Amino acid sequence: MNHARATALLERYFAGNSTLAEERDLQTYFRDTADVPPELASYAPLFAYWDRERQVSAPPRKVTRRLNWQRTLLAVAAALLLLLAVRGTYLWQQPNLTNFPVAERQPVDWSRYEITDRAEAARTLRAALTLTGELTDY
């Protein structure tokens, strides 16, 4: 790669218009070229930085799973507290039936509903049997 192409690629790189292949060409140019022109020498550390950082890796993390009794106890306590809060809210929202006059117990006078007349009893029985389909015309 010559100086003019490297300058053009740098302009595209800093404008955000370069492709990945062009960026790789720039990295190769600054890494492999020993005689970089002085006006482009200030960009060499930038591309060397990316090469160095690509080689850095995090140390492997040792994964251990042990039962933390404090965390377990805290989770159980939180679950119980949540259950108690839900139950308390449920009980608090239920209406108190003694405050309603409809719900008060009043004795029922069943004598009003008793059939005392034989003809009325026959009419009631005939109506009930007709509704159930058991009575046919005789």
Protein backbone atom coordinates (compact mmCIF):
# COMPACT_ATOMS: atom_id res chain seq x y z
CA MET A 1 0.00 0.00 0.00
CA ASN A 2 1.37 3.41 -0.88
CA HIS A 3 1.20 6.70 0.99
CA ALA A 4 -1.69 8.13 -1.08
CA ARG A 5 -3.91 5.06 -0.55
CA ALA A 6 -3.14 5.02 3.19
CA THR A 7 -4.08 8.71 3.44
CA ALA A 8 -7.34 8.12 1.57
CA LEU A 9 -8.20 5.14 3.76
CA LEU A 10 -7.46 7.14 6.91
CA GLU A 11 -9.83 9.86 5.76
CA ARG A 12 -12.54 7.26 5.12
CA TYR A 13 -11.77 5.60 8.49
CA PHE A 14 -12.19 8.79 10.52
CA ALA A 15 -15.30 9.76 8.55
CA GLY A 16 -16.83 6.39 9.47
CA ASN A 17 -17.16 5.26 5.86
CA SER A 18 -14.49 2.56 5.73
CA THR A 19 -15.23 -1.13 5.36
CA LEU A 20 -13.80 -3.86 7.55
CA ALA A 21 -11.47 -4.92 4.76
CA GLU A 22 -10.11 -1.36 4.45
CA GLU A 23 -9.59 -1.18 8.22
CA ARG A 24 -7.67 -4.46 8.09
CA ASP A 25 -5.54 -3.01 5.29
CA LEU A 26 -4.75 0.00 7.48
CA GLN A 27 -3.82 -2.21 10.42
CA THR A 28 -1.58 -4.30 8.20
CA TYR A 29 0.00 -1.17 6.74
CA PHE A 30 0.85 0.34 10.12
CA ARG A 31 1.94 -2.99 11.61
CA ASP A 32 4.11 -4.27 8.78
CA THR A 33 5.50 -1.11 7.24
CA ALA A 34 8.76 -0.07 8.85
CA ASP A 35 9.06 3.28 7.10
CA VAL A 36 5.73 4.97 7.77
CA PRO A 37 5.80 8.59 6.57
CA PRO A 38 6.21 11.12 9.42
CA GLU A 39 2.77 12.75 8.81
CA LEU A 40 1.11 9.32 9.31
CA ALA A 41 3.36 8.13 12.14
CA SER A 42 1.01 9.59 14.76
CA TYR A 43 -1.69 7.06 13.70
CA ALA A 44 0.56 4.02 14.13
CA PRO A 45 -0.05 3.73 17.93
CA LEU A 46 -3.82 3.70 17.32
CA PHE A 47 -3.70 0.63 15.12
CA ALA A 48 -1.01 -0.99 17.29
CA TYR A 49 -3.37 -0.49 20.26
CA TRP A 50 -6.08 -2.51 18.55
CA ASP A 51 -3.63 -5.31 17.83
CA ARG A 52 -2.50 -5.39 21.47
CA GLU A 53 -6.05 -5.30 22.82
CA ARG A 54 -7.15 -8.12 20.55
CA GLN A 55 -4.62 -10.38 22.24
CA VAL A 56 -5.76 -9.55 25.78
CA SER A 57 -8.13 -12.03 27.31
CA ALA A 58 -9.76 -12.18 30.68
CA PRO A 59 -8.55 -14.80 33.10
CA PRO A 60 -10.85 -17.79 33.38
CA ARG A 61 -13.37 -17.37 36.12
CA LYS A 62 -13.76 -20.19 38.55
CA VAL A 63 -17.44 -20.99 38.90
CA THR A 64 -18.39 -22.35 42.27
CA ARG A 65 -21.89 -23.03 43.37
CA ARG A 66 -22.25 -23.25 47.07
CA LEU A 67 -25.36 -22.88 49.09
CA ASN A 68 -25.38 -19.59 50.88
CA TRP A 69 -27.62 -20.16 53.89
CA GLN A 70 -28.05 -16.44 54.52
CA ARG A 71 -29.33 -15.83 51.01
CA THR A 72 -31.65 -18.84 51.25
CA LEU A 73 -33.00 -17.67 54.60
CA LEU A 74 -33.57 -14.19 53.21
CA ALA A 75 -35.45 -15.60 50.20
CA VAL A 76 -37.70 -17.72 52.45
CA ALA A 77 -38.40 -14.73 54.71
CA ALA A 78 -39.24 -12.56 51.70
CA ALA A 79 -41.62 -15.22 50.34
CA LEU A 80 -43.38 -15.53 53.70
CA LEU A 81 -43.68 -11.77 53.99
CA LEU A 82 -45.17 -11.60 50.51
CA LEU A 83 -47.70 -14.34 51.35
CA LEU A 84 -48.71 -12.58 54.55
CA ALA A 85 -49.11 -9.28 52.73
CA VAL A 86 -51.30 -10.88 50.05
CA ARG A 87 -53.44 -12.64 52.66
CA GLY A 88 -53.80 -9.45 54.70
CA THR A 89 -54.85 -7.52 51.63
CA TYR A 90 -57.35 -10.22 50.73
CA LEU A 91 -58.88 -10.23 54.22
CA TRP A 92 -58.93 -6.46 54.35
CA GLN A 93 -60.84 -6.21 51.07
CA GLN A 94 -63.59 -8.68 52.01
CA PRO A 95 -66.76 -6.90 53.06
CA ASN A 96 -68.09 -7.34 56.55
CA LEU A 97 -71.52 -8.89 56.06
CA THR A 98 -72.87 -7.68 59.38
CA ASN A 99 -72.82 -4.11 58.10
CA PHE A 100 -75.45 -4.89 55.47
CA PRO A 101 -79.11 -4.96 56.57
CA VAL A 102 -79.87 -7.62 53.94
CA ALA A 103 -77.46 -10.04 55.56
CA GLU A 104 -79.05 -9.82 59.00
CA ARG A 105 -80.83 -12.94 60.14
CA GLN A 106 -84.54 -12.62 60.30
CA PRO A 107 -86.93 -15.42 61.10
CA VAL A 108 -88.96 -16.64 58.14
CA ASP A 109 -92.70 -17.12 58.60
CA TRP A 110 -93.21 -20.36 56.68
CA SER A 111 -96.90 -20.46 57.51
CA ARG A 112 -97.50 -17.93 54.73
CA TYR A 113 -96.30 -20.48 52.17
CA GLU A 114 -98.24 -23.49 53.44
CA ILE A 115 -101.03 -24.77 51.22
CA THR A 116 -104.16 -25.32 53.24
CA ASP A 117 -106.75 -25.76 50.48
CA ARG A 118 -107.05 -29.10 48.67
CA ALA A 119 -107.85 -27.47 45.30
CA GLU A 120 -104.84 -25.17 45.57
CA ALA A 121 -102.61 -28.15 46.35
CA ALA A 122 -103.87 -29.94 43.22
CA ARG A 123 -103.25 -26.87 41.05
CA THR A 124 -99.72 -26.48 42.42
CA LEU A 125 -98.92 -30.17 41.90
CA ARG A 126 -100.36 -30.12 38.36
CA ALA A 127 -98.29 -27.01 37.49
CA ALA A 128 -95.10 -28.58 38.87
CA LEU A 129 -95.62 -31.86 37.03
CA THR A 130 -96.47 -30.05 33.81
CA LEU A 131 -93.21 -28.09 34.01
CA THR A 132 -91.15 -31.23 34.46
CA GLY A 133 -92.93 -33.04 31.62
CA GLU A 134 -94.21 -35.84 33.84
CA LEU A 135 -97.87 -34.92 33.55
CA THR A 136 -99.75 -35.85 30.43
CA ASP A 137 -103.34 -35.03 29.79
CA TYR A 138 -105.64 -37.68 31.25
